[in-house]
Amino acid sequence: MIIKKYSPTYIEWEDVYSIPDELHTEEMNGIFADESFTVLQAGFIIKETDSFIVLANQLN
């Protein structure tokens, strides 16, 4: 069996969110504009393409 070695990686990315129609007001837009939806993640990049990244937090 061949075992590939992966280097530990740290990434930050902005997660998506949506506002339900019943909450879609100027007041709610202001609240969400001030929020940070940044995700901080550490792991091992298993595969990376132009459209996605596969990140594992544990290698067995």
PDB file of N, CA and C in Angstrom:
ATOM      1  N   MET A   1       0.837  -1.186   0.000  1.00  0.00           N
ATOM      2  CA  MET A   1       0.000   0.000   0.000  1.00  0.00           C
ATOM      3  C   MET A   1       0.877   1.243   0.000  1.00  0.00           C
ATOM      4  N   ILE A   2       0.564   2.177  -0.873  1.00  0.00           N
ATOM      5  CA  ILE A   2       1.302   3.437  -0.944  1.00  0.00           C
ATOM      6  C   ILE A   2       0.561   4.484  -0.117  1.00  0.00           C
ATOM      7  N   ILE A   3       1.273   5.131   0.805  1.00  0.00           N
ATOM      8  CA  ILE A   3       0.675   6.170   1.641  1.00  0.00           C
ATOM      9  C   ILE A   3       1.191   7.521   1.163  1.00  0.00           C
ATOM     10  N   LYS A   4       0.261   8.402   0.771  1.00  0.00           N
ATOM     11  CA  LYS A   4       0.640   9.755   0.382  1.00  0.00           C
ATOM     12  C   LYS A   4       0.795  10.599   1.636  1.00  0.00           C
ATOM     13  N   LYS A   5       1.711  11.520   1.593  1.00  0.00           N
ATOM     14  CA  LYS A   5       1.908  12.423   2.724  1.00  0.00           C
ATOM     15  C   LYS A   5       1.270  13.767   2.390  1.00  0.00           C
ATOM     16  N   TYR A   6       0.496  14.272   3.324  1.00  0.00           N
ATOM     17  CA  TYR A   6      -0.175  15.557   3.166  1.00  0.00           C
ATOM     18  C   TYR A   6       0.323  16.501   4.244  1.00  0.00           C
ATOM     19  N   SER A   7       0.562  17.735   3.870  1.00  0.00           N
ATOM     20  CA  SER A   7       1.002  18.735   4.835  1.00  0.00           C
ATOM     21  C   SER A   7      -0.203  19.363   5.529  1.00  0.00           C
ATOM     22  N   PRO A   8      -0.072  19.678   6.816  1.00  0.00           N
ATOM     23  CA  PRO A   8      -1.154  20.383   7.500  1.00  0.00           C
ATOM     24  C   PRO A   8      -1.407  21.732   6.818  1.00  0.00           C
ATOM     25  N   THR A   9      -2.666  22.125   6.729  1.00  0.00           N
ATOM     26  CA  THR A   9      -3.057  23.351   6.040  1.00  0.00           C
ATOM     27  C   THR A   9      -4.053  24.118   6.891  1.00  0.00           C
ATOM     28  N   TYR A  10      -3.963  25.437   6.869  1.00  0.00           N
ATOM     29  CA  TYR A  10      -4.921  26.307   7.561  1.00  0.00           C
ATOM     30  C   TYR A  10      -5.556  27.205   6.510  1.00  0.00           C
ATOM     31  N   ILE A  11      -6.897  27.261   6.487  1.00  0.00           N
ATOM     32  CA  ILE A  11      -7.579  28.130   5.528  1.00  0.00           C
ATOM     33  C   ILE A  11      -8.661  28.937   6.241  1.00  0.00           C
ATOM     34  N   GLU A  12      -8.959  30.097   5.678  1.00  0.00           N
ATOM     35  CA  GLU A  12     -10.080  30.921   6.107  1.00  0.00           C
ATOM     36  C   GLU A  12     -10.939  31.145   4.883  1.00  0.00           C
ATOM     37  N   TRP A  13     -12.259  30.986   5.044  1.00  0.00           N
ATOM     38  CA  TRP A  13     -13.160  31.205   3.938  1.00  0.00           C
ATOM     39  C   TRP A  13     -14.462  31.792   4.443  1.00  0.00           C
ATOM     40  N   GLU A  14     -15.143  32.492   3.563  1.00  0.00           N
ATOM     41  CA  GLU A  14     -16.386  33.174   3.906  1.00  0.00           C
ATOM     42  C   GLU A  14     -17.562  32.263   3.569  1.00  0.00           C
ATOM     43  N   ASP A  15     -18.331  31.902   4.579  1.00  0.00           N
ATOM     44  CA  ASP A  15     -19.487  31.039   4.381  1.00  0.00           C
ATOM     45  C   ASP A  15     -20.647  31.859   3.817  1.00  0.00           C
ATOM     46  N   VAL A  16     -21.594  31.193   3.203  1.00  0.00           N
ATOM     47  CA  VAL A  16     -22.761  31.864   2.633  1.00  0.00           C
ATOM     48  C   VAL A  16     -23.903  31.864   3.642  1.00  0.00           C
ATOM     49  N   TYR A  17     -24.791  32.793   3.483  1.00  0.00           N
ATOM     50  CA  TYR A  17     -25.986  32.854   4.307  1.00  0.00           C
ATOM     51  C   TYR A  17     -27.106  33.476   3.492  1.00  0.00           C
ATOM     52  N   SER A  18     -28.317  33.250   3.930  1.00  0.00           N
ATOM     53  CA  SER A  18     -29.458  33.863   3.258  1.00  0.00           C
ATOM     54  C   SER A  18     -30.437  34.365   4.314  1.00  0.00           C
ATOM     55  N   ILE A  19     -31.199  35.359   3.948  1.00  0.00           N
ATOM     56  CA  ILE A  19     -32.180  35.950   4.837  1.00  0.00           C
ATOM     57  C   ILE A  19     -33.564  35.493   4.373  1.00  0.00           C
ATOM     58  N   PRO A  20     -34.343  34.856   5.256  1.00  0.00           N
ATOM     59  CA  PRO A  20     -35.705  34.475   4.853  1.00  0.00           C
ATOM     60  C   PRO A  20     -36.516  35.699   4.444  1.00  0.00           C
ATOM     61  N   ASP A  21     -37.452  35.532   3.524  1.00  0.00           N
ATOM     62  CA  ASP A  21     -38.248  36.652   3.006  1.00  0.00           C
ATOM     63  C   ASP A  21     -38.921  37.453   4.107  1.00  0.00           C
ATOM     64  N   GLU A  22     -39.431  36.772   5.132  1.00  0.00           N
ATOM     65  CA  GLU A  22     -40.156  37.496   6.188  1.00  0.00           C
ATOM     66  C   GLU A  22     -39.221  38.368   7.035  1.00  0.00           C
ATOM     67  N   LEU A  23     -37.918  38.129   6.974  1.00  0.00           N
ATOM     68  CA  LEU A  23     -36.951  38.939   7.722  1.00  0.00           C
ATOM     69  C   LEU A  23     -36.191  39.905   6.831  1.00  0.00           C
ATOM     70  N   HIS A  24     -36.555  39.968   5.565  1.00  0.00           N
ATOM     71  CA  HIS A  24     -35.809  40.781   4.609  1.00  0.00           C
ATOM     72  C   HIS A  24     -36.228  42.243   4.703  1.00  0.00           C
ATOM     73  N   THR A  25     -35.681  42.910   5.698  1.00  0.00           N
ATOM     74  CA  THR A  25     -35.970  44.333   5.915  1.00  0.00           C
ATOM     75  C   THR A  25     -34.648  45.086   5.948  1.00  0.00           C
ATOM     76  N   GLU A  26     -34.744  46.392   5.879  1.00  0.00           N
ATOM     77  CA  GLU A  26     -33.517  47.201   5.956  1.00  0.00           C
ATOM     78  C   GLU A  26     -32.809  46.984   7.295  1.00  0.00           C
ATOM     79  N   GLU A  27     -33.583  46.820   8.371  1.00  0.00           N
ATOM     80  CA  GLU A  27     -32.975  46.593   9.684  1.00  0.00           C
ATOM     81  C   GLU A  27     -32.178  45.290   9.705  1.00  0.00           C
ATOM     82  N   MET A  28     -32.748  44.212   9.175  1.00  0.00           N
ATOM     83  CA  MET A  28     -32.052  42.926   9.153  1.00  0.00           C
ATOM     84  C   MET A  28     -30.838  42.975   8.234  1.00  0.00           C
ATOM     85  N   ASN A  29     -30.956  43.667   7.095  1.00  0.00           N
ATOM     86  CA  ASN A  29     -29.808  43.787   6.198  1.00  0.00           C
ATOM     87  C   ASN A  29     -28.636  44.454   6.908  1.00  0.00           C
ATOM     88  N   GLY A  30     -28.920  45.444   7.733  1.00  0.00           N
ATOM     89  CA  GLY A  30     -27.869  46.115   8.490  1.00  0.00           C
ATOM     90  C   GLY A  30     -27.221  45.198   9.497  1.00  0.00           C
ATOM     91  N   ILE A  31     -28.024  44.358  10.151  1.00  0.00           N
ATOM     92  CA  ILE A  31     -27.489  43.410  11.137  1.00  0.00           C
ATOM     93  C   ILE A  31     -26.566  42.410  10.458  1.00  0.00           C
ATOM     94  N   PHE A  32     -27.006  41.849   9.335  1.00  0.00           N
ATOM     95  CA  PHE A  32     -26.185  40.852   8.649  1.00  0.00           C
ATOM     96  C   PHE A  32     -24.956  41.465   8.002  1.00  0.00           C
ATOM     97  N   ALA A  33     -25.026  42.729   7.612  1.00  0.00           N
ATOM     98  CA  ALA A  33     -23.872  43.385   6.989  1.00  0.00           C
ATOM     99  C   ALA A  33     -22.720  43.511   7.984  1.00  0.00           C
ATOM    100  N   ASP A  34     -23.043  43.604   9.269  1.00  0.00           N
ATOM    101  CA  ASP A  34     -22.014  43.757  10.304  1.00  0.00           C
ATOM    102  C   ASP A  34     -21.483  42.418  10.815  1.00  0.00           C
ATOM    103  N   GLU A  35     -22.124  41.315  10.434  1.00  0.00           N
ATOM    104  CA  GLU A  35     -21.716  39.996  10.895  1.00  0.00           C
ATOM    105  C   GLU A  35     -20.574  39.458  10.051  1.00  0.00           C
ATOM    106  N   SER A  36     -19.761  38.638  10.671  1.00  0.00           N
ATOM    107  CA  SER A  36     -18.689  37.957   9.957  1.00  0.00           C
ATOM    108  C   SER A  36     -19.029  36.475   9.897  1.00  0.00           C
ATOM    109  N   PHE A  37     -19.021  35.933   8.707  1.00  0.00           N
ATOM    110  CA  PHE A  37     -19.304  34.522   8.523  1.00  0.00           C
ATOM    111  C   PHE A  37     -18.040  33.790   8.068  1.00  0.00           C
ATOM    112  N   THR A  38     -16.896  34.248   8.582  1.00  0.00           N
ATOM    113  CA  THR A  38     -15.612  33.655   8.238  1.00  0.00           C
ATOM    114  C   THR A  38     -15.425  32.346   9.001  1.00  0.00           C
ATOM    115  N   VAL A  39     -15.082  31.301   8.266  1.00  0.00           N
ATOM    116  CA  VAL A  39     -14.821  29.986   8.852  1.00  0.00           C
ATOM    117  C   VAL A  39     -13.306  29.784   8.887  1.00  0.00           C
ATOM    118  N   LEU A  40     -12.789  29.401  10.054  1.00  0.00           N
ATOM    119  CA  LEU A  40     -11.365  29.123  10.230  1.00  0.00           C
ATOM    120  C   LEU A  40     -11.225  27.609  10.323  1.00  0.00           C
ATOM    121  N   GLN A  41     -10.403  27.027   9.460  1.00  0.00           N
ATOM    122  CA  GLN A  41     -10.320  25.570   9.397  1.00  0.00           C
ATOM    123  C   GLN A  41      -8.880  25.113   9.227  1.00  0.00           C
ATOM    124  N   ALA A  42      -8.563  24.015   9.888  1.00  0.00           N
ATOM    125  CA  ALA A  42      -7.258  23.378   9.733  1.00  0.00           C
ATOM    126  C   ALA A  42      -7.475  21.930   9.313  1.00  0.00           C
ATOM    127  N   GLY A  43      -6.581  21.424   8.505  1.00  0.00           N
ATOM    128  CA  GLY A  43      -6.716  20.043   8.053  1.00  0.00           C
ATOM    129  C   GLY A  43      -5.682  19.723   6.993  1.00  0.00           C
ATOM    130  N   PHE A  44      -6.002  18.747   6.175  1.00  0.00           N
ATOM    131  CA  PHE A  44      -5.106  18.286   5.123  1.00  0.00           C
ATOM    132  C   PHE A  44      -5.838  18.378   3.784  1.00  0.00           C
ATOM    133  N   ILE A  45      -5.246  19.060   2.808  1.00  0.00           N
ATOM    134  CA  ILE A  45      -5.867  19.147   1.488  1.00  0.00           C
ATOM    135  C   ILE A  45      -5.652  17.823   0.770  1.00  0.00           C
ATOM    136  N   ILE A  46      -6.755  17.141   0.499  1.00  0.00           N
ATOM    137  CA  ILE A  46      -6.717  15.852  -0.183  1.00  0.00           C
ATOM    138  C   ILE A  46      -6.786  16.048  -1.693  1.00  0.00           C
ATOM    139  N   LYS A  47      -7.612  17.015  -2.117  1.00  0.00           N
ATOM    140  CA  LYS A  47      -7.754  17.312  -3.539  1.00  0.00           C
ATOM    141  C   LYS A  47      -8.122  18.774  -3.695  1.00  0.00           C
ATOM    142  N   GLU A  48      -7.579  19.417  -4.723  1.00  0.00           N
ATOM    143  CA  GLU A  48      -7.877  20.820  -4.993  1.00  0.00           C
ATOM    144  C   GLU A  48      -8.039  21.018  -6.492  1.00  0.00           C
ATOM    145  N   THR A  49      -9.139  21.649  -6.883  1.00  0.00           N
ATOM    146  CA  THR A  49      -9.381  21.997  -8.279  1.00  0.00           C
ATOM    147  C   THR A  49      -9.748  23.480  -8.332  1.00  0.00           C
ATOM    148  N   ASP A  50     -10.075  23.977  -9.523  1.00  0.00           N
ATOM    149  CA  ASP A  50     -10.507  25.369  -9.649  1.00  0.00           C
ATOM    150  C   ASP A  50     -11.866  25.614  -8.999  1.00  0.00           C
ATOM    151  N   SER A  51     -12.670  24.569  -8.834  1.00  0.00           N
ATOM    152  CA  SER A  51     -14.024  24.765  -8.315  1.00  0.00           C
ATOM    153  C   SER A  51     -14.240  24.276  -6.886  1.00  0.00           C
ATOM    154  N   PHE A  52     -13.345  23.435  -6.346  1.00  0.00           N
ATOM    155  CA  PHE A  52     -13.539  22.965  -4.975  1.00  0.00           C
ATOM    156  C   PHE A  52     -12.239  22.498  -4.349  1.00  0.00           C
ATOM    157  N   ILE A  53     -12.295  22.363  -3.010  1.00  0.00           N
ATOM    158  CA  ILE A  53     -11.184  21.831  -2.218  1.00  0.00           C
ATOM    159  C   ILE A  53     -11.747  20.753  -1.302  1.00  0.00           C
ATOM    160  N   VAL A  54     -11.088  19.606  -1.235  1.00  0.00           N
ATOM    161  CA  VAL A  54     -11.452  18.551  -0.285  1.00  0.00           C
ATOM    162  C   VAL A  54     -10.453  18.643   0.851  1.00  0.00           C
ATOM    163  N   LEU A  55     -10.956  18.932   2.057  1.00  0.00           N
ATOM    164  CA  LEU A  55     -10.111  19.113   3.221  1.00  0.00           C
ATOM    165  C   LEU A  55     -10.512  18.074   4.272  1.00  0.00           C
ATOM    166  N   ALA A  56      -9.551  17.293   4.726  1.00  0.00           N
ATOM    167  CA  ALA A  56      -9.815  16.284   5.770  1.00  0.00           C
ATOM    168  C   ALA A  56      -9.185  16.750   7.074  1.00  0.00           C
ATOM    169  N   ASN A  57      -9.906  16.544   8.168  1.00  0.00           N
ATOM    170  CA  ASN A  57      -9.330  16.947   9.459  1.00  0.00           C
ATOM    171  C   ASN A  57      -8.584  15.815  10.149  1.00  0.00           C
ATOM    172  N   GLN A  58      -8.678  14.599   9.577  1.00  0.00           N
ATOM    173  CA  GLN A  58      -7.985  13.448  10.161  1.00  0.00           C
ATOM    174  C   GLN A  58      -7.604  12.484   9.053  1.00  0.00           C
ATOM    175  N   LEU A  59      -6.394  11.969   9.124  1.00  0.00           N
ATOM    176  CA  LEU A  59      -5.933  10.966   8.152  1.00  0.00           C
ATOM    177  C   LEU A  59      -5.807   9.627   8.865  1.00  0.00           C
ATOM    178  N   ASN A  60      -6.382   8.601   8.294  1.00  0.00           N
ATOM    179  CA  ASN A  60      -6.293   7.258   8.884  1.00  0.00           C
ATOM    180  C   ASN A  60      -5.378   6.405   8.043  1.00  0.00           C
TER     181      ASN A  60
END
